[in-house]
Protein backbone atom coordinates (compact mmCIF):
# COMPACT_ATOMS: atom_id res chain seq x y z
CA MET A 1 124.38 135.98 86.64
CA THR A 2 121.56 134.19 88.46
CA ILE A 3 117.79 134.45 88.10
CA LYS A 4 115.11 133.78 90.69
CA CYS A 5 112.33 131.26 90.14
CA MET A 6 110.56 128.35 91.82
CA TYR A 7 112.63 125.18 91.29
CA TYR A 8 112.73 121.51 92.32
CA SER A 9 116.02 119.82 91.48
CA LYS A 10 114.90 116.17 91.56
CA LYS A 11 115.42 114.69 88.10
CA PHE A 12 112.56 112.47 86.97
CA ALA A 13 113.08 109.91 84.21
CA ASN A 14 109.42 110.11 83.18
CA LYS A 15 106.63 112.63 83.60
CA PRO A 16 105.61 112.74 87.28
CA LYS A 17 102.16 111.44 88.08
CA GLY A 18 99.98 110.80 91.09
CA TYR A 19 101.80 111.22 94.39
CA GLU A 20 104.92 112.35 92.48
CA VAL A 21 102.98 115.43 91.37
CA ALA A 22 102.16 116.14 95.01
CA GLU A 23 105.86 115.73 95.82
CA VAL A 24 106.75 118.30 93.15
CA GLN A 25 104.14 120.78 94.37
CA LYS A 26 105.42 120.46 97.91
CA ASN A 27 109.12 120.84 97.09
CA LEU A 28 109.14 123.70 94.58
CA ALA A 29 111.11 126.40 96.37
CA LYS A 30 112.49 129.90 95.77
CA THR A 31 115.85 129.41 94.09
CA ASP A 32 118.72 131.54 92.78
CA ILE A 33 120.06 129.68 89.75
CA THR A 34 122.12 130.38 86.65
CA ILE A 35 120.57 129.99 83.20
CA GLU A 36 123.02 127.17 82.48
CA GLU A 37 122.08 125.30 85.66
CA LEU A 38 118.37 125.74 84.95
CA ALA A 39 118.78 124.46 81.39
CA GLU A 40 120.78 121.44 82.54
CA GLY A 41 118.23 120.59 85.23
CA LEU A 42 115.12 120.95 83.06
CA SER A 43 116.63 118.96 80.20
CA ASN A 44 117.23 116.13 82.65
CA GLY A 45 113.85 115.99 84.37
CA ALA A 46 113.87 118.78 86.99
CA THR A 47 110.81 121.04 87.46
CA PHE A 48 110.23 124.80 87.70
CA LYS A 49 107.80 127.69 87.78
CA PRO A 50 109.21 130.67 85.85
CA ALA A 51 107.75 133.15 88.34
CA LEU A 52 108.99 133.87 91.84
CA LEU A 53 106.06 133.26 94.19
CA ASP A 54 105.31 133.65 97.88
CA GLY A 55 102.69 130.91 97.84
CA THR A 56 100.83 128.82 95.26
CA LYS A 57 98.22 131.25 93.92
CA SER A 58 98.48 133.95 91.27
CA LYS A 59 98.02 136.61 93.93
CA ASP A 60 101.31 135.41 95.48
CA TRP A 61 103.34 136.54 92.44
CA ILE A 62 106.47 138.57 93.37
CA SER A 63 108.61 138.97 90.26
CA GLN A 64 109.70 137.24 87.07
CA GLN A 65 112.61 137.20 84.63
CA ILE A 66 112.05 133.87 82.88
CA PHE A 67 109.16 133.28 80.47
CA ALA A 68 108.35 129.90 78.94
CA LEU A 69 106.26 128.85 75.96
CA ASP A 70 104.97 125.37 75.32
CA PHE A 71 104.54 123.76 71.90
CA ASP A 72 102.63 120.50 71.59
CA HIS A 73 100.87 120.37 68.24
CA ASP A 74 101.07 121.38 64.57
CA THR A 75 104.64 122.65 64.62
CA THR A 76 108.27 121.60 64.79
CA ILE A 77 111.32 122.74 66.70
CA GLN A 78 112.96 124.13 63.56
CA GLU A 79 109.82 126.01 62.53
CA GLN A 80 109.71 127.86 65.84
CA LEU A 81 113.44 128.59 65.86
CA ASN A 82 112.96 130.12 62.40
CA ARG A 83 110.10 132.17 63.84
CA CYS A 84 112.50 133.43 66.53
CA SER A 85 114.88 134.61 63.80
CA GLN A 86 112.08 136.37 61.91
CA LEU A 87 110.99 138.24 65.03
CA ASN A 88 114.53 138.76 66.35
CA ILE A 89 113.30 137.37 69.67
CA TYR A 90 115.59 134.56 70.80
CA PRO A 91 115.20 132.06 73.66
CA CYS A 92 118.11 131.53 76.03
CA PHE A 93 117.45 127.78 75.78
CA GLY A 94 114.83 125.20 74.97
CA TYR A 95 114.21 121.54 75.76
CA THR A 96 112.05 118.66 74.61
CA SER A 97 109.33 117.42 76.96
CA PHE A 98 108.84 113.82 78.09
CA SER A 99 106.22 113.21 75.38
CA HIS A 100 108.42 114.42 72.52
CA THR A 101 108.95 112.12 69.52
CA GLU A 102 110.47 112.65 66.10
CA GLN A 103 106.99 112.23 64.64
CA GLU A 104 105.34 114.75 66.98
CA HIS A 105 107.45 117.48 68.50
CA HIS A 106 106.66 118.53 72.08
CA PHE A 107 109.02 121.14 73.44
CA ARG A 108 109.53 124.37 75.42
CA LEU A 109 111.28 127.61 74.59
CA VAL A 110 112.53 129.66 77.53
CA PHE A 111 113.16 133.42 77.26
CA CYS A 112 115.03 135.65 79.71
CA THR A 113 114.37 139.41 80.04
CA ASP A 114 117.23 141.85 80.42
CA THR A 115 115.80 143.10 83.73
CA VAL A 116 113.70 141.60 86.51
CA ILE A 117 109.99 142.41 86.07
CA THR A 118 108.29 143.42 89.30
CA ASP A 119 105.20 145.07 87.81
CA VAL A 120 102.32 142.66 87.45
CA GLU A 121 100.77 144.40 84.43
CA THR A 122 104.05 144.32 82.53
CA ARG A 123 104.44 140.64 83.31
CA ASN A 124 100.96 139.82 82.02
CA LYS A 125 101.35 141.87 78.86
CA LEU A 126 104.69 140.29 77.98
CA GLN A 127 103.44 136.73 78.52
CA ASN A 128 100.33 137.44 76.45
CA THR A 129 102.38 139.01 73.69
CA LEU A 130 104.79 136.08 73.44
CA ILE A 131 101.86 133.67 73.23
CA SER A 132 100.25 135.83 70.57
CA ILE A 133 103.26 136.22 68.27
CA PHE A 134 104.27 132.59 68.69
CA ASP A 135 100.79 131.52 67.72
CA LYS A 136 101.50 127.79 67.73
CA SER A 137 102.26 127.91 71.44
CA ASP A 138 99.62 127.00 73.98
CA ASN A 139 97.86 129.89 75.69
CA VAL A 140 97.56 128.12 79.06
CA THR A 141 101.12 129.25 79.81
CA LYS A 142 99.74 132.70 80.58
CA ASP A 143 99.10 131.60 84.18
CA CYS A 144 101.98 132.69 86.40
CA THR A 145 101.53 129.66 88.67
CA ARG A 146 102.15 127.14 85.90
CA ILE A 147 104.42 124.26 86.76
CA PHE A 148 106.67 123.19 83.89
CA PHE A 149 107.93 119.65 84.17
CA GLY A 150 111.35 118.91 82.77
CA GLY A 151 112.10 116.72 79.80
CA LYS A 152 114.64 114.79 77.77
CA SER A 153 117.19 117.01 76.08
CA LEU A 154 118.31 120.55 75.18
CA ILE A 155 117.38 121.88 71.74
CA CYS A 156 119.20 125.22 71.87
CA ASP A 157 121.59 126.81 74.34
CA SER A 158 122.06 130.53 73.69
CA TYR A 159 122.40 131.27 77.41
CA ASN A 160 123.36 134.94 76.98
CA LYS A 161 120.35 135.86 74.83
CA ARG A 162 117.99 138.42 76.43
CA ILE A 163 114.72 140.04 75.43
CA ASN A 164 113.49 143.54 76.24
CA ALA A 165 109.97 143.39 77.66
CA GLN A 166 108.95 146.96 76.88
CA GLN A 167 110.12 146.83 73.28
CA ILE A 168 108.17 143.63 72.61
CA ILE A 169 105.05 144.99 74.30
CA ASP A 170 105.25 148.31 72.42
CA LYS A 171 105.62 146.56 69.10
CA TYR A 172 103.28 143.58 69.37
CA TYR A 173 100.93 143.84 72.34
CA LYS A 174 97.19 143.88 71.67
CA GLU A 175 94.34 143.53 74.16
CA SER A 176 92.44 140.30 73.53
CA PRO A 177 89.47 138.63 75.13
CA THR A 178 91.40 135.38 74.86
CA LEU A 179 94.62 136.71 76.25
CA GLY A 180 93.41 139.18 78.81
CA SER A 181 95.69 140.84 81.32
CA SER A 182 94.03 139.67 84.48
CA MET A 183 95.83 136.39 85.20
CA VAL A 184 97.90 137.93 87.98
CA THR A 185 96.45 140.25 90.57
CA PRO A 186 98.26 141.95 93.45
CA LYS A 187 97.92 140.18 96.78
CA PRO A 188 94.72 141.59 98.27
CA CYS A 189 93.65 142.30 101.79
CA LYS A 190 90.96 139.94 103.07
CA LYS A 191 87.57 141.12 102.05
CA LYS A 192 84.13 139.69 101.56
CA LEU A 193 84.00 137.50 98.46
CA ASP A 194 81.18 135.88 96.57
CA LEU A 195 80.43 132.25 97.33
CA TYR A 196 82.44 131.19 94.33
CA SER A 197 85.85 132.15 92.92
CA ASN A 198 86.22 135.39 91.04
CA THR A 199 88.11 133.45 88.34
CA GLU A 200 84.91 131.85 87.02
CA SER A 201 81.30 132.89 86.95
CA ASN A 202 79.01 132.27 89.90
CA GLU A 203 76.70 130.38 87.58
CA ASN A 204 79.43 127.99 86.46
CA MET A 205 80.55 127.42 90.04
CA ALA A 206 77.01 126.74 91.17
CA LEU A 207 76.72 124.17 88.39
CA LYS A 208 79.87 122.43 89.60
CA ILE A 209 78.54 122.13 93.13
CA GLU A 210 75.20 120.86 91.80
CA ALA A 211 76.98 118.29 89.60
CA ILE A 212 78.81 116.98 92.65
CA ARG A 213 75.60 116.86 94.67
CA ALA A 214 73.92 114.86 91.91
CA LEU A 215 77.06 112.74 91.26
CA ASN A 216 76.60 113.66 87.60
CA VAL A 217 79.82 112.58 85.88
CA ASP A 218 78.99 113.89 82.40
CA VAL A 219 78.05 117.38 83.62
CA MET A 220 81.14 117.57 85.83
CA LYS A 221 83.39 116.63 82.92
CA GLU A 222 81.80 119.32 80.76
CA LEU A 223 82.29 121.93 83.48
CA LEU A 224 85.95 120.99 83.87
CA LYS A 225 86.49 121.56 80.16
CA GLY A 226 86.80 125.21 81.07
CA VAL A 227 90.50 124.74 81.76
CA PRO A 228 92.45 123.04 78.95
CA ASN A 229 94.58 119.98 79.56
CA LYS A 230 98.33 120.13 79.30
CA GLU A 231 100.34 116.97 79.42
CA ASP A 232 103.52 118.40 80.89
CA ILE A 233 102.46 121.86 82.11
CA LEU A 234 100.60 121.83 85.39
CA PRO A 235 99.12 124.95 87.00
CA SER A 236 98.08 123.09 90.09
CA SER A 237 96.12 120.03 89.07
CA ILE A 238 95.18 117.44 86.53
CA ARG A 239 93.64 118.97 83.41
CA TYR A 240 90.83 118.07 81.03
CA PRO A 241 90.51 115.98 78.84
CA PHE A 242 91.65 113.40 81.35
CA LYS A 243 93.73 110.61 79.90
CA GLN A 244 93.17 107.26 81.56
CA THR A 245 95.52 106.78 84.49
CA SER A 246 95.86 103.30 85.93
CA PHE A 247 96.99 102.23 89.40
CA GLU A 248 98.10 98.87 90.77
CA ASN A 249 96.92 99.43 94.33
CA GLU A 250 94.49 101.49 96.36
CA LYS A 251 97.15 103.51 98.16
CA ASP A 252 98.62 105.00 94.98
CA LEU A 253 95.10 105.66 93.69
CA TYR A 254 94.11 107.55 96.85
CA LYS A 255 97.34 109.56 96.85
CA TYR A 256 96.59 110.62 93.30
CA ILE A 257 92.97 111.49 94.10
CA ASN A 258 94.04 113.56 97.12
CA SER A 259 96.51 115.50 94.95
CA ILE A 260 93.76 116.72 92.59
CA ASP A 261 93.34 120.49 92.84
CA LEU A 262 90.35 120.93 95.11
CA SER A 263 90.00 124.62 94.21
CA GLU A 264 89.44 123.68 90.60
CA TYR A 265 87.18 120.75 91.48
CA LEU A 266 84.91 122.91 93.64
CA GLY A 267 85.47 126.09 91.65
CA ILE A 268 86.60 128.27 94.55
CA ASP A 269 89.75 130.29 95.18
CA GLY A 270 90.97 132.28 98.15
CA TYR A 271 88.64 132.75 101.13
CA VAL A 272 84.96 132.18 100.37
CA ASN A 273 81.69 131.68 102.17
CA CYS A 274 81.35 128.11 103.37
CA ILE A 275 79.74 125.79 100.81
CA LEU A 276 78.46 123.26 103.35
CA PRO A 277 74.65 123.19 103.28
CA GLU A 278 74.23 123.29 107.07
CA HIS A 279 76.53 126.31 107.52
CA LYS A 280 74.77 129.59 106.74
CA ASP A 281 77.95 131.61 106.30
CA ASP A 282 77.74 135.36 105.64
CA SER A 283 81.46 136.11 105.72
CA PRO A 284 84.42 134.44 103.95
CA SER A 285 85.60 131.70 106.28
CA ALA A 286 86.57 128.77 104.07
CA HIS A 287 89.57 128.09 101.86
CA ILE A 288 91.68 125.31 100.35
CA TYR A 289 95.12 124.41 101.64
CA THR A 290 97.68 121.70 100.91
CA THR A 291 99.17 119.45 103.61
CA ASP A 292 102.85 118.47 103.76
CA ASP A 293 102.18 115.26 101.84
CA GLY A 294 100.32 117.09 99.05
CA THR A 295 96.75 116.38 100.13
CA GLN A 296 94.28 119.11 99.19
CA VAL A 297 91.94 120.05 102.06
CA TYR A 298 88.79 122.15 102.26
CA LYS A 299 88.81 124.00 105.61
CA CYS A 300 86.12 126.23 107.09
CA PHE A 301 87.15 128.24 110.14
CA GLY A 302 83.53 129.20 110.82
CA CYS A 303 82.21 125.67 111.39
CA ASN A 304 85.68 124.14 111.96
CA LYS A 305 85.14 121.40 109.36
CA CYS A 306 87.89 119.86 107.21
CA TYR A 307 87.38 117.62 104.18
CA THR A 308 89.52 116.04 101.48
CA ILE A 309 88.16 115.78 97.94
CA ILE A 310 86.57 112.44 98.85
CA GLY A 311 85.11 113.79 102.07
CA ILE A 312 83.67 116.97 100.56
CA THR A 313 82.10 114.87 97.78
CA GLU A 314 80.50 112.61 100.39
CA LYS A 315 79.24 115.68 102.26
CA LEU A 316 77.82 117.55 99.27
CA ALA A 317 76.28 114.46 97.63
CA GLN A 318 75.22 112.86 100.93
CA CYS A 319 76.61 109.58 99.62
CA LYS A 320 78.80 106.71 100.81
CA LYS A 321 82.57 106.97 100.59
CA SER A 322 82.70 104.26 97.91
CA GLN A 323 80.24 106.23 95.78
CA ALA A 324 82.31 109.40 96.14
CA ILE A 325 85.47 107.57 95.08
CA GLU A 326 83.75 106.04 92.04
CA PHE A 327 82.46 109.49 91.03
CA ILE A 328 85.93 111.04 91.21
CA LYS A 329 87.45 108.10 89.34
CA SER A 330 84.87 108.47 86.58
CA VAL A 331 85.31 112.24 86.29
CA TYR A 332 89.11 112.08 86.10
CA ASN A 333 89.30 108.78 84.17
CA LEU A 334 91.15 106.87 86.90
CA LYS A 335 91.27 103.09 86.92
CA LEU A 336 92.40 100.54 89.48
CA GLU A 337 93.99 97.61 87.64
CA LYS A 338 95.34 94.84 89.85
CA SER A 339 97.41 91.97 88.53
CA ASP A 340 96.52 88.40 89.53
CA TRP A 341 99.58 88.41 91.79
CA VAL A 342 98.43 91.54 93.61
CA LYS A 343 94.97 90.03 94.14
CA GLN A 344 96.50 86.79 95.45
CA GLN A 345 98.78 88.61 97.89
CA GLN A 346 95.97 90.83 99.17
CA GLN A 347 93.86 87.74 99.82
CA MET A 348 96.80 86.08 101.58
CA LEU A 349 97.09 89.03 103.98
CA ILE A 350 93.36 88.87 104.72
CA ASP A 351 93.53 85.09 105.22
CA ASN A 352 96.47 85.56 107.62
CA ALA A 353 94.47 87.99 109.74
CA ASN A 354 91.53 85.56 109.88
CA TYR A 355 93.77 82.55 110.63
CA LEU A 356 94.96 84.10 113.89
CA ASP A 357 91.32 84.09 115.08
CA SER A 358 90.66 80.51 114.01
CA GLU A 359 90.16 77.44 116.20
CA GLU A 360 92.68 75.69 113.97
CA PHE A 361 95.42 78.12 115.07
CA ASP A 362 94.48 77.83 118.76
CA LEU A 363 94.50 74.00 118.67
CA GLN A 364 97.72 73.53 116.72
CA PHE A 365 99.77 76.25 118.42
CA PRO A 366 98.33 76.71 121.93
CA THR A 367 101.40 78.36 123.49
CA LEU A 368 101.88 80.74 120.56
CA SER A 369 98.19 81.60 120.51
CA LYS A 370 98.18 82.40 124.22
CA LEU A 371 101.41 84.39 124.06
CA ILE A 372 100.20 86.82 121.37
CA ARG A 373 96.63 87.06 122.66
CA THR A 374 96.86 90.66 123.91
CA ARG A 375 98.92 91.86 120.91
CA LYS A 376 97.21 89.88 118.15
CA VAL A 377 95.02 92.83 117.17
CA HIS A 378 98.14 94.84 116.26
CA ILE A 379 99.31 92.37 113.62
CA GLN A 380 95.79 91.88 112.29
CA LYS A 381 95.34 95.62 111.78
CA MET A 382 98.72 95.83 110.06
CA LEU A 383 97.82 92.96 107.72
CA LEU A 384 94.59 94.64 106.66
CA HIS A 385 96.27 98.05 106.40
CA PHE A 386 99.00 96.78 104.08
CA THR A 387 96.53 95.22 101.64
CA GLN A 388 96.31 98.74 100.17
CA TYR A 389 100.04 98.78 99.42
CA VAL A 390 100.53 95.52 97.52
CA ASN A 391 102.39 96.46 94.36
CA ASP A 392 103.96 94.44 91.55
CA ASN A 393 107.09 96.58 91.80
CA MET A 394 107.50 96.11 95.56
CA GLN A 395 108.29 92.46 96.13
CA ASN A 396 111.08 90.12 97.16
CA MET A 397 111.06 86.36 96.57
CA GLU A 398 107.48 86.73 95.29
CA ARG A 399 106.36 88.31 98.56
CA PRO A 400 105.11 91.90 98.79
CA ILE A 401 107.30 94.38 100.64
CA PHE A 402 105.94 97.16 102.86
CA PHE A 403 107.28 100.04 104.86
CA ASP A 404 105.66 102.65 107.04
CA SER A 405 106.72 105.04 109.77
CA TYR A 406 106.26 104.21 113.44
CA LYS A 407 103.95 107.21 113.66
CA ASN A 408 101.60 105.77 111.04
CA LEU A 409 101.79 102.27 112.49
CA LEU A 410 100.83 103.61 115.91
CA SER A 411 97.64 104.94 114.35
CA VAL A 412 97.04 101.77 112.33
CA CYS A 413 97.42 99.54 115.41
CA GLY A 414 95.31 101.81 117.62
CA ILE A 415 98.17 102.42 120.06
CA LYS A 416 97.96 105.77 121.81
CA SER A 417 101.34 107.53 121.53
CA ASN A 418 103.35 104.71 123.10
CA MET A 419 106.26 103.93 120.80
CA ASN A 420 107.60 101.26 123.17
CA THR A 421 104.37 99.25 122.92
CA LEU A 422 104.63 99.19 119.12
CA ALA A 423 108.35 98.33 119.21
CA GLN A 424 107.65 95.45 121.61
CA SER A 425 104.89 94.08 119.37
CA LEU A 426 107.07 94.24 116.25
CA THR A 427 109.96 92.53 118.06
CA LEU A 428 107.66 89.77 119.33
CA PHE A 429 106.10 89.22 115.88
CA ALA A 430 109.52 89.08 114.19
CA LEU A 431 110.87 86.61 116.75
CA LEU A 432 107.80 84.39 116.31
CA ASN A 433 108.00 84.39 112.47
CA ILE A 434 104.70 86.28 112.19
CA ILE A 435 106.32 89.21 110.39
CA GLU A 436 109.66 89.50 108.63
CA LYS A 437 111.91 92.53 108.95
CA LEU A 438 113.92 92.77 105.75
CA PRO A 439 117.69 93.35 105.54
CA ALA A 440 118.87 96.19 103.30
CA GLU A 441 120.14 93.89 100.54
CA THR A 442 116.60 92.60 99.84
CA ILE A 443 114.99 96.04 99.51
CA PRO A 444 114.48 97.53 96.00
CA GLU A 445 117.11 100.20 95.33
CA LYS A 446 114.63 103.01 94.70
CA GLU A 447 112.77 102.40 97.97
CA LEU A 448 116.00 101.91 99.92
CA ASN A 449 117.34 105.26 98.67
CA LYS A 450 114.05 106.91 99.62
CA ALA A 451 114.29 105.47 103.13
CA LYS A 452 117.92 106.64 103.45
CA HIS A 453 116.89 110.13 102.35
CA ILE A 454 114.13 110.27 104.99
CA ALA A 455 116.52 109.03 107.68
CA ALA A 456 119.11 111.66 106.73
CA LYS A 457 116.50 114.41 106.60
CA TYR A 458 115.26 113.74 110.13
CA GLY A 459 118.59 112.68 111.64
CA PHE A 460 117.65 109.04 112.23
CA LYS A 461 120.54 106.63 112.85
CA LYS A 462 118.72 103.80 111.07
CA ILE A 463 116.30 103.71 108.16
CA THR A 464 112.68 102.72 108.67
CA ASN A 465 112.04 98.98 108.76
CA PHE A 466 110.76 97.21 105.66
CA TYR A 467 108.39 94.31 106.29
CA SER A 468 107.10 91.20 104.59
CA PHE A 469 104.51 88.66 105.69
CA PRO A 470 104.81 84.89 105.17
CA GLU A 471 101.74 82.77 104.55
CA TYR A 472 100.56 81.51 107.93
CA GLY A 473 100.16 77.77 108.45
CA VAL A 474 101.59 74.63 110.08
CA LEU A 475 105.05 74.73 108.48
CA GLN A 476 105.41 78.44 109.17
CA PHE A 477 104.57 78.24 112.87
CA GLU A 478 106.09 74.94 114.04
CA ASN A 479 109.31 76.67 115.12
CA SER A 480 107.30 79.62 116.43
CA GLU A 481 105.54 77.33 118.92
CA GLU A 482 108.92 76.19 120.29
CA ILE A 483 110.12 79.79 120.62
CA ALA A 484 106.89 80.65 122.43
CA LYS A 485 107.52 77.79 124.87
CA THR A 486 111.03 79.12 125.58
CA LEU A 487 109.63 82.57 126.32
CA LYS A 488 106.98 81.03 128.58
CA ASP A 489 109.49 78.87 130.46
CA ASN A 490 111.72 81.91 131.00
CA HIS A 491 108.75 83.96 132.23
CA ILE A 492 109.74 86.70 129.80
CA SER A 493 107.54 89.76 129.73
CA LEU A 494 107.44 91.95 126.63
CA LYS A 495 109.40 94.58 128.53
CA GLY A 496 112.25 92.10 128.86
CA LEU A 497 112.19 91.17 125.17
CA SER A 498 115.28 93.08 124.03
CA LYS A 499 118.03 92.74 121.44
CA GLU A 500 120.40 91.48 124.11
CA TYR A 501 117.88 88.88 125.30
CA VAL A 502 117.38 87.59 121.75
CA LEU A 503 121.13 87.52 121.15
CA ARG A 504 121.91 85.66 124.39
CA THR A 505 118.96 83.26 124.17
CA PHE A 506 118.64 82.43 120.45
CA GLY A 507 122.00 83.47 119.00
CA GLU A 508 123.29 85.82 116.31
CA GLU A 509 121.31 84.36 113.40
CA THR A 510 117.97 84.91 115.11
CA ALA A 511 119.06 88.34 116.36
CA ASN A 512 119.85 89.32 112.76
CA LYS A 513 116.35 88.22 111.77
CA VAL A 514 114.67 90.23 114.51
CA TYR A 515 117.04 93.22 114.24
CA PRO A 516 118.32 93.17 110.62
CA GLN A 517 119.67 96.72 110.78
CA TYR A 518 121.96 95.78 113.68
CA LYS A 519 123.92 92.97 112.03
CA PHE A 520 127.22 94.71 112.69
CA GLU A 521 126.37 95.24 116.35
CA ASN A 522 125.04 91.69 116.66
CA LYS A 523 128.30 90.27 115.30
CA LYS A 524 130.23 92.10 118.03
CA GLY A 525 128.10 90.32 120.64
CA THR A 526 127.18 91.66 124.06
CA SER A 527 129.12 94.29 125.97
CA GLU A 528 131.84 93.50 128.51
CA LYS A 529 129.84 95.29 131.20
CA SER A 530 126.78 93.17 130.48
CA ASP A 531 128.85 89.98 130.37
CA ASN A 532 130.39 90.77 133.77
CA ALA A 533 126.93 91.44 135.26
CA THR A 534 125.71 88.11 133.86
CA ILE A 535 128.69 86.22 135.36
CA GLU A 536 128.01 87.87 138.72
CA LEU A 537 124.39 86.66 138.63
CA ILE A 538 125.54 83.11 137.78
CA ASN A 539 127.97 83.13 140.73
CA GLN A 540 125.32 84.43 143.13
CA LEU A 541 122.87 81.79 141.94
CA CYS A 542 125.45 79.01 142.37
CA ASN A 543 126.18 80.12 145.92
CA ILE A 544 122.51 80.22 146.92
CA ILE A 545 121.68 76.82 145.40
CA ASN A 546 124.80 75.22 146.89
CA ARG A 547 123.77 76.59 150.28
CA GLN A 548 120.03 75.70 150.36
CA GLY A 549 119.42 73.50 147.29
CA TYR A 550 117.17 76.02 145.46
CA CYS A 551 116.74 79.74 144.82
CA LEU A 552 113.59 81.77 144.46
CA GLU A 553 113.67 83.86 141.30
CA SER A 554 112.51 86.84 143.36
CA ASP A 555 115.62 86.55 145.52
CA ILE A 556 118.10 86.64 142.62
CA ARG A 557 116.26 88.90 140.20
CA GLY A 558 116.59 92.02 142.31
CA LYS A 559 115.42 95.42 141.13
CA GLY A 560 116.48 98.18 138.77
CA GLN A 561 119.52 97.39 136.59
CA THR A 562 119.97 93.94 138.18
CA GLU A 563 116.41 92.95 137.27
CA LEU A 564 116.91 94.24 133.72
CA GLN A 565 120.10 92.21 133.33
CA TRP A 566 118.36 89.12 134.70
CA LYS A 567 115.62 89.42 132.08
CA ARG A 568 118.17 89.85 129.29
CA SER A 569 120.38 86.95 130.40
CA ILE A 570 118.01 84.44 132.01
CA GLN A 571 118.27 81.70 129.37
CA GLU A 572 122.04 82.01 129.15
CA ILE A 573 122.31 81.88 132.97
CA LEU A 574 120.21 78.71 133.09
CA ASN A 575 122.21 77.10 130.27
CA VAL A 576 125.68 78.01 131.58
CA GLY A 577 124.92 77.13 135.21
CA LYS A 578 123.00 73.98 134.20
CA PHE A 579 119.96 75.16 136.12
CA LYS A 580 116.26 74.92 135.39
CA MET A 581 113.28 76.96 136.51
CA ILE A 582 110.12 75.35 137.86
CA ARG A 583 106.85 76.40 139.47
CA ALA A 584 106.58 75.71 143.22
CA ASN A 585 103.38 73.71 142.91
CA LYS A 586 102.55 70.81 145.25
CA LEU A 587 103.91 68.15 142.91
CA ASN A 588 107.26 69.91 142.42
CA LYS A 589 107.62 70.60 146.14
CA GLN A 590 107.41 66.88 146.80
CA LYS A 591 109.60 65.91 143.85
CA TYR A 592 112.42 68.38 144.64
CA ASN A 593 112.04 68.51 148.42
CA LEU A 594 111.14 72.19 148.54
CA PRO A 595 109.83 73.88 151.73
CA ASP A 596 106.05 73.91 152.10
CA ASP A 597 105.96 77.63 152.94
CA ILE A 598 107.03 78.66 149.40
CA ALA A 599 104.07 80.22 147.59
CA GLY A 600 102.61 77.88 144.98
CA GLN A 601 103.03 80.24 142.04
CA SER A 602 106.61 81.19 142.85
CA SER A 603 109.35 80.49 140.28
CA VAL A 604 112.12 78.39 141.74
CA ILE A 605 115.57 77.70 140.25
CA ILE A 606 117.24 74.36 140.96
CA ASN A 607 120.06 72.26 139.52
CA ALA A 608 119.05 70.60 136.25
């Protein structure tokens, strides 16, 4: 027998937090699962919602067969199992939560009804009744949208036990102002709503908006007391009282902030009249939605405005972004705590970006400076972007490690939808020792597995590149200047800077540095077809030089595939044929007895 619920099979070793919570919210999906499979998953860190939902709100409730109770204080596992025996109401299994200790028991009991409940009123009454008769359980579990995180271990496994909803309701159900029957409502048609959610009073919602406008932390905290905190049960957001949560870098902090339930923060639910002061809205046109990465967004279709929690705080309070962030951090007790190492590495990235603009860099490495002039802004933007990601747990050889998708890096670098431009810049920077592309064996296992999962999900042949940045200076760039001179002498454009060019010009070791994910291919060398085309170019060049003593590059380079092969093989052709390339200036014309009618800027190949 299987039951239907919302389930996410990833097994966490500790209670999810920050962006992990957003990951859970995004990946909870309708699932057919046996009781045994559900028990095994939850007792090993998986996550579920007992209800089957067609969305994330209570109005999206479809049906339910599993009911869970949470016990966090003033009771023990054995006491509640004894209570089950007294009532003759037995769970099909239970499990301890992540915060459970022998001194303080934190656990869940999970009950299964003998039939699927599809009537909303019956569902509400049964959940209320279970909370009432197990009076040490927490009443926040009445919400059908509650997320239950997994935990550490099973505490009972009577998988065949069932309860009869109607019998329990008939015997124990009582209407209560505390445990009302209005937590789940049928999915309504769109209709005009008040400015604020019908789940809280208009007065309370107005106070929330006013607290945000005034950036009043104390008042906002008091207003958020209306929904109790649960450590391991999450309806859709962080709950009051907010335990201090610390972050090592800005990126994780912002991910966490953006995962906060914006409906709860603003006090609105469903479609409402726009709350922006400049929009005089007389019909429901605004709502909250969640993006694929778990970011909560306020969207008004009337004025076509979108804001995250930080943005809507800026808008309502008419304050700077930094002030909005500090307000949210204070309300939710969030703290950014950087280690000395993180601070040092962030400063190193900033210093690197500034060094590339310095006179010192231009004087000491003139060829390198000139070569990267038009692409320098890309690496500088990346350096500043990655300061947000420096993390004590993401390092190799005491250097921070970073990864990001090409799509994000295009935006960071200000490149408009041209993947080739970004790829060329990254190849150039790696070749010149400005950035390091990391081989798989140096990447932390957790991050490597994440990258492999993303690659498999989207059908990529290779995982995303992981990067590291050395500290820029004389020792770092001495070899880079020589490489830059080689590129200049070969008249290599960025379009000609390919894996084959690097392999033929600088060898396998350098190719592995620039293309670490292609070590196997690099070891095999270049293709037979490419080798034959290169030999043909060498022979043609020999014939021309033997005949007239020189060869214009324009005469041998050709067009199309021939030109591409020339760019890839130019250094190897010069080395093998013992040729060199010069400019046809006046001095060289006299020195090498070249015709006067050759244009002065032409590239000429002669015997070395």
